[in-house]
Amino acid sequence: MSQESFVIHAAIDRAAAEPFEVGVVQWVRRPGDGERDALSCGYWFITPEETPGPMRVVGHADESVYIVEGRVRIEPEGQDAFELGAGDSASFNKDVPAVWTVLEPTVEFFVYS
């Protein structure tokens, strides 16, 4: 399939999710799909019980997130902490360290680029 004709779609389906670094992820677009290694997206499902508590995360790619449901607290290194809830979004540059705390069961749509 050529890059120009690549199209994919999905609806939220936790049953289609697979283990991730923490929680599970339902890929919509896996890295490399459509001949674009750096672009991927999907739904991340996570609960407070699935986390080790606050998690230090250093992004391996630029990332944009949209919270479908739930709530997380994010503390970027050297910046003020903030919370994201249903309907909120944020974007982070690659290699920016932040501490993430999952406050409620959360579904996040993410895009890595």
N, C-alpha and C. Protein backbone atom coordinates (compact mmCIF):
# COMPACT_ATOMS: atom_id res chain seq x y z
N MET A 1 0.85 -1.18 0.00
CA MET A 1 0.00 0.00 0.00
C MET A 1 0.89 1.23 0.00
N SER A 2 0.63 2.17 -0.86
CA SER A 2 1.48 3.36 -0.93
C SER A 2 1.13 4.32 0.20
N GLN A 3 2.07 5.18 0.52
CA GLN A 3 1.91 6.17 1.57
C GLN A 3 0.69 7.06 1.27
N GLU A 4 0.48 7.41 0.04
CA GLU A 4 -0.61 8.32 -0.32
C GLU A 4 -1.99 7.70 -0.09
N SER A 5 -2.10 6.37 -0.18
CA SER A 5 -3.41 5.75 -0.06
C SER A 5 -3.66 5.12 1.31
N PHE A 6 -2.76 5.33 2.27
CA PHE A 6 -2.92 4.72 3.59
C PHE A 6 -4.04 5.40 4.36
N VAL A 7 -5.03 4.62 4.77
CA VAL A 7 -6.12 5.10 5.61
C VAL A 7 -6.45 3.98 6.59
N ILE A 8 -6.66 4.35 7.83
CA ILE A 8 -7.03 3.37 8.86
C ILE A 8 -8.01 4.04 9.81
N HIS A 9 -8.89 3.25 10.41
CA HIS A 9 -9.84 3.82 11.37
C HIS A 9 -10.11 2.81 12.47
N ALA A 10 -10.60 3.31 13.61
CA ALA A 10 -10.90 2.43 14.74
C ALA A 10 -11.83 3.15 15.71
N ALA A 11 -12.54 2.39 16.50
CA ALA A 11 -13.34 2.90 17.60
C ALA A 11 -12.73 2.36 18.89
N ILE A 12 -12.99 3.02 20.00
CA ILE A 12 -12.46 2.55 21.28
C ILE A 12 -12.98 1.15 21.55
N ASP A 13 -12.04 0.23 21.79
CA ASP A 13 -12.38 -1.17 22.04
C ASP A 13 -11.32 -1.76 22.96
N ARG A 14 -11.54 -1.69 24.26
CA ARG A 14 -10.55 -2.18 25.22
C ARG A 14 -10.22 -3.65 24.97
N ALA A 15 -11.16 -4.42 24.45
CA ALA A 15 -10.90 -5.83 24.17
C ALA A 15 -9.82 -6.00 23.10
N ALA A 16 -9.61 -4.97 22.27
CA ALA A 16 -8.58 -5.03 21.23
C ALA A 16 -7.22 -4.54 21.72
N ALA A 17 -7.15 -4.15 22.99
CA ALA A 17 -5.91 -3.61 23.55
C ALA A 17 -4.93 -4.73 23.88
N GLU A 18 -3.66 -4.34 23.93
CA GLU A 18 -2.58 -5.28 24.26
C GLU A 18 -1.69 -4.65 25.33
N PRO A 19 -0.91 -5.46 26.03
CA PRO A 19 -0.05 -4.91 27.08
C PRO A 19 0.86 -3.80 26.54
N PHE A 20 1.07 -2.80 27.40
CA PHE A 20 1.92 -1.67 27.07
C PHE A 20 2.92 -1.52 28.21
N GLU A 21 3.75 -0.50 28.17
CA GLU A 21 4.73 -0.28 29.24
C GLU A 21 4.04 -0.27 30.60
N VAL A 22 2.93 0.43 30.70
CA VAL A 22 2.05 0.43 31.87
C VAL A 22 0.63 0.49 31.30
N GLY A 23 -0.27 -0.30 31.82
CA GLY A 23 -1.62 -0.34 31.28
C GLY A 23 -1.64 -1.12 29.97
N VAL A 24 -2.65 -0.82 29.16
CA VAL A 24 -2.77 -1.47 27.85
C VAL A 24 -3.04 -0.41 26.79
N VAL A 25 -2.73 -0.75 25.54
CA VAL A 25 -2.93 0.19 24.45
C VAL A 25 -3.65 -0.51 23.30
N GLN A 26 -4.58 0.21 22.72
CA GLN A 26 -5.24 -0.22 21.48
C GLN A 26 -4.66 0.66 20.38
N TRP A 27 -3.82 0.06 19.53
CA TRP A 27 -3.21 0.83 18.45
C TRP A 27 -4.25 1.13 17.38
N VAL A 28 -4.26 2.36 16.91
CA VAL A 28 -5.00 2.72 15.71
C VAL A 28 -4.02 2.70 14.55
N ARG A 29 -2.88 3.30 14.78
CA ARG A 29 -1.80 3.32 13.78
C ARG A 29 -0.50 2.96 14.48
N ARG A 30 0.06 1.83 14.13
CA ARG A 30 1.32 1.38 14.72
C ARG A 30 2.49 2.11 14.06
N PRO A 31 3.61 2.25 14.79
CA PRO A 31 4.79 2.83 14.16
C PRO A 31 5.13 2.06 12.88
N GLY A 32 5.36 2.78 11.81
CA GLY A 32 5.70 2.16 10.52
C GLY A 32 4.52 1.98 9.59
N ASP A 33 3.30 1.99 10.12
CA ASP A 33 2.13 1.89 9.23
C ASP A 33 2.14 3.07 8.26
N GLY A 34 1.74 2.81 7.02
CA GLY A 34 1.71 3.85 6.01
C GLY A 34 3.08 4.38 5.66
N GLU A 35 4.10 3.58 5.92
CA GLU A 35 5.48 3.94 5.60
C GLU A 35 5.98 5.17 6.35
N ARG A 36 5.46 5.37 7.57
CA ARG A 36 5.89 6.50 8.41
C ARG A 36 6.28 5.96 9.78
N ASP A 37 7.55 5.73 9.97
CA ASP A 37 8.04 5.13 11.22
C ASP A 37 7.78 5.99 12.45
N ALA A 38 7.82 7.30 12.30
CA ALA A 38 7.73 8.19 13.45
C ALA A 38 6.30 8.51 13.88
N LEU A 39 5.31 8.15 13.08
CA LEU A 39 3.93 8.53 13.38
C LEU A 39 3.14 7.32 13.83
N SER A 40 2.50 7.43 15.00
CA SER A 40 1.62 6.38 15.48
C SER A 40 0.58 7.01 16.41
N CYS A 41 -0.49 6.26 16.68
CA CYS A 41 -1.52 6.76 17.58
C CYS A 41 -2.35 5.60 18.10
N GLY A 42 -3.06 5.87 19.17
CA GLY A 42 -3.91 4.83 19.74
C GLY A 42 -4.57 5.30 21.01
N TYR A 43 -5.21 4.36 21.68
CA TYR A 43 -5.89 4.60 22.95
C TYR A 43 -5.13 3.90 24.06
N TRP A 44 -4.82 4.64 25.11
CA TRP A 44 -4.15 4.09 26.28
C TRP A 44 -5.18 3.96 27.38
N PHE A 45 -5.29 2.77 27.94
CA PHE A 45 -6.22 2.49 29.04
C PHE A 45 -5.38 2.25 30.29
N ILE A 46 -5.67 2.99 31.36
CA ILE A 46 -4.86 2.88 32.57
C ILE A 46 -5.72 3.19 33.80
N THR A 47 -5.46 2.48 34.88
CA THR A 47 -6.13 2.76 36.15
C THR A 47 -5.06 3.06 37.20
N PRO A 48 -5.42 3.74 38.27
CA PRO A 48 -4.44 3.99 39.33
C PRO A 48 -3.84 2.68 39.87
N GLU A 49 -4.62 1.62 39.91
CA GLU A 49 -4.15 0.34 40.44
C GLU A 49 -3.09 -0.30 39.54
N GLU A 50 -3.06 0.05 38.27
CA GLU A 50 -2.09 -0.52 37.32
C GLU A 50 -0.76 0.23 37.33
N THR A 51 -0.68 1.32 38.07
CA THR A 51 0.54 2.11 38.08
C THR A 51 1.32 1.87 39.36
N PRO A 52 2.61 2.13 39.34
CA PRO A 52 3.42 2.01 40.55
C PRO A 52 3.33 3.27 41.42
N GLY A 53 2.32 4.11 41.18
CA GLY A 53 2.22 5.42 41.82
C GLY A 53 2.67 6.45 40.80
N PRO A 54 3.15 7.61 41.25
CA PRO A 54 3.66 8.58 40.29
C PRO A 54 4.76 7.96 39.43
N MET A 55 4.70 8.20 38.12
CA MET A 55 5.65 7.59 37.17
C MET A 55 6.44 8.67 36.47
N ARG A 56 7.76 8.57 36.52
CA ARG A 56 8.59 9.50 35.76
C ARG A 56 8.64 9.00 34.32
N VAL A 57 8.23 9.86 33.40
CA VAL A 57 8.16 9.51 31.98
C VAL A 57 9.03 10.50 31.20
N VAL A 58 9.86 9.96 30.31
CA VAL A 58 10.62 10.80 29.39
C VAL A 58 10.18 10.36 27.99
N GLY A 59 9.50 11.25 27.29
CA GLY A 59 8.93 10.90 25.99
C GLY A 59 9.98 10.50 24.97
N HIS A 60 9.74 9.39 24.29
CA HIS A 60 10.65 8.93 23.24
C HIS A 60 10.31 9.55 21.89
N ALA A 61 9.23 10.34 21.85
CA ALA A 61 8.80 11.04 20.63
C ALA A 61 8.00 12.27 21.06
N ASP A 62 7.77 13.19 20.14
CA ASP A 62 6.80 14.24 20.42
C ASP A 62 5.47 13.55 20.64
N GLU A 63 4.68 14.04 21.58
CA GLU A 63 3.41 13.39 21.89
C GLU A 63 2.33 14.42 22.15
N SER A 64 1.16 14.18 21.59
CA SER A 64 -0.04 14.95 21.89
C SER A 64 -1.07 13.99 22.44
N VAL A 65 -1.79 14.43 23.49
CA VAL A 65 -2.76 13.56 24.15
C VAL A 65 -4.11 14.28 24.26
N TYR A 66 -5.16 13.47 24.26
CA TYR A 66 -6.52 13.94 24.49
C TYR A 66 -7.15 12.97 25.48
N ILE A 67 -7.66 13.47 26.59
CA ILE A 67 -8.26 12.61 27.60
C ILE A 67 -9.74 12.38 27.24
N VAL A 68 -10.05 11.14 26.94
CA VAL A 68 -11.42 10.76 26.59
C VAL A 68 -12.25 10.66 27.87
N GLU A 69 -11.69 9.99 28.87
CA GLU A 69 -12.34 9.89 30.18
C GLU A 69 -11.27 9.69 31.23
N GLY A 70 -11.59 10.09 32.47
CA GLY A 70 -10.65 9.94 33.57
C GLY A 70 -9.91 11.21 33.87
N ARG A 71 -8.81 11.06 34.65
CA ARG A 71 -8.05 12.24 35.08
C ARG A 71 -6.63 11.83 35.41
N VAL A 72 -5.66 12.65 34.96
CA VAL A 72 -4.25 12.46 35.27
C VAL A 72 -3.65 13.79 35.74
N ARG A 73 -2.59 13.68 36.50
CA ARG A 73 -1.82 14.85 36.93
C ARG A 73 -0.45 14.72 36.28
N ILE A 74 0.03 15.82 35.69
CA ILE A 74 1.32 15.81 34.99
C ILE A 74 2.18 16.93 35.56
N GLU A 75 3.41 16.57 35.93
CA GLU A 75 4.36 17.53 36.49
C GLU A 75 5.60 17.56 35.60
N PRO A 76 5.61 18.41 34.56
CA PRO A 76 6.82 18.51 33.73
C PRO A 76 7.98 19.07 34.56
N GLU A 77 9.15 18.52 34.37
CA GLU A 77 10.32 18.95 35.14
C GLU A 77 10.55 20.44 34.96
N GLY A 78 10.65 21.17 36.08
CA GLY A 78 10.92 22.60 36.05
C GLY A 78 9.71 23.47 35.72
N GLN A 79 8.52 22.88 35.66
CA GLN A 79 7.30 23.63 35.34
C GLN A 79 6.20 23.30 36.35
N ASP A 80 5.15 24.09 36.35
CA ASP A 80 4.02 23.85 37.24
C ASP A 80 3.27 22.59 36.82
N ALA A 81 2.79 21.86 37.81
CA ALA A 81 1.96 20.67 37.56
C ALA A 81 0.58 21.12 37.08
N PHE A 82 -0.07 20.23 36.34
CA PHE A 82 -1.44 20.48 35.91
C PHE A 82 -2.19 19.16 35.81
N GLU A 83 -3.51 19.25 35.83
CA GLU A 83 -4.34 18.06 35.68
C GLU A 83 -5.08 18.14 34.36
N LEU A 84 -5.27 16.96 33.76
CA LEU A 84 -6.07 16.83 32.55
C LEU A 84 -7.23 15.89 32.87
N GLY A 85 -8.44 16.30 32.47
CA GLY A 85 -9.62 15.47 32.62
C GLY A 85 -10.31 15.33 31.27
N ALA A 86 -11.43 14.64 31.27
CA ALA A 86 -12.16 14.39 30.03
C ALA A 86 -12.34 15.67 29.22
N GLY A 87 -11.92 15.62 27.97
CA GLY A 87 -12.03 16.77 27.07
C GLY A 87 -10.80 17.64 27.02
N ASP A 88 -9.82 17.39 27.88
CA ASP A 88 -8.59 18.19 27.91
C ASP A 88 -7.52 17.56 27.04
N SER A 89 -6.59 18.39 26.59
CA SER A 89 -5.48 17.89 25.77
C SER A 89 -4.19 18.62 26.14
N ALA A 90 -3.08 18.03 25.73
CA ALA A 90 -1.77 18.62 25.96
C ALA A 90 -0.82 18.07 24.91
N SER A 91 0.32 18.74 24.74
CA SER A 91 1.32 18.30 23.79
C SER A 91 2.70 18.48 24.42
N PHE A 92 3.58 17.50 24.19
CA PHE A 92 4.90 17.48 24.81
C PHE A 92 5.97 17.23 23.75
N ASN A 93 7.08 17.93 23.87
CA ASN A 93 8.21 17.64 23.00
C ASN A 93 8.92 16.38 23.46
N LYS A 94 9.58 15.73 22.54
CA LYS A 94 10.40 14.56 22.82
C LYS A 94 11.43 14.90 23.91
N ASP A 95 11.73 13.94 24.76
CA ASP A 95 12.76 14.03 25.79
C ASP A 95 12.42 14.96 26.96
N VAL A 96 11.18 15.46 27.05
CA VAL A 96 10.80 16.29 28.19
C VAL A 96 10.38 15.37 29.34
N PRO A 97 11.13 15.38 30.46
CA PRO A 97 10.75 14.52 31.58
C PRO A 97 9.56 15.11 32.33
N ALA A 98 8.68 14.22 32.77
CA ALA A 98 7.51 14.63 33.54
C ALA A 98 7.09 13.48 34.44
N VAL A 99 6.49 13.82 35.57
CA VAL A 99 5.94 12.81 36.47
C VAL A 99 4.44 12.77 36.22
N TRP A 100 3.96 11.57 35.86
CA TRP A 100 2.53 11.34 35.60
C TRP A 100 1.94 10.58 36.77
N THR A 101 0.77 11.04 37.24
CA THR A 101 0.02 10.34 38.27
C THR A 101 -1.39 10.11 37.73
N VAL A 102 -1.79 8.85 37.66
CA VAL A 102 -3.14 8.51 37.19
C VAL A 102 -4.07 8.63 38.39
N LEU A 103 -5.00 9.57 38.34
CA LEU A 103 -5.89 9.86 39.46
C LEU A 103 -7.20 9.08 39.40
N GLU A 104 -7.63 8.73 38.20
CA GLU A 104 -8.87 7.98 37.98
C GLU A 104 -8.63 7.04 36.80
N PRO A 105 -9.45 5.98 36.68
CA PRO A 105 -9.34 5.16 35.47
C PRO A 105 -9.45 6.09 34.25
N THR A 106 -8.52 5.94 33.32
CA THR A 106 -8.37 6.91 32.24
C THR A 106 -8.29 6.22 30.88
N VAL A 107 -8.91 6.86 29.90
CA VAL A 107 -8.73 6.50 28.49
C VAL A 107 -8.16 7.74 27.83
N GLU A 108 -6.98 7.57 27.23
CA GLU A 108 -6.27 8.68 26.58
C GLU A 108 -6.06 8.33 25.12
N PHE A 109 -6.38 9.26 24.24
CA PHE A 109 -5.99 9.10 22.84
C PHE A 109 -4.66 9.83 22.69
N PHE A 110 -3.67 9.16 22.10
CA PHE A 110 -2.35 9.76 21.96
C PHE A 110 -1.89 9.70 20.49
N VAL A 111 -1.03 10.64 20.16
CA VAL A 111 -0.36 10.66 18.86
C VAL A 111 1.12 10.87 19.13
N TYR A 112 1.95 9.93 18.64
CA TYR A 112 3.40 10.09 18.66
C TYR A 112 3.83 10.54 17.27
N SER A 113 4.74 11.51 17.25
CA SER A 113 5.25 11.96 15.94
C SER A 113 6.71 12.35 16.05
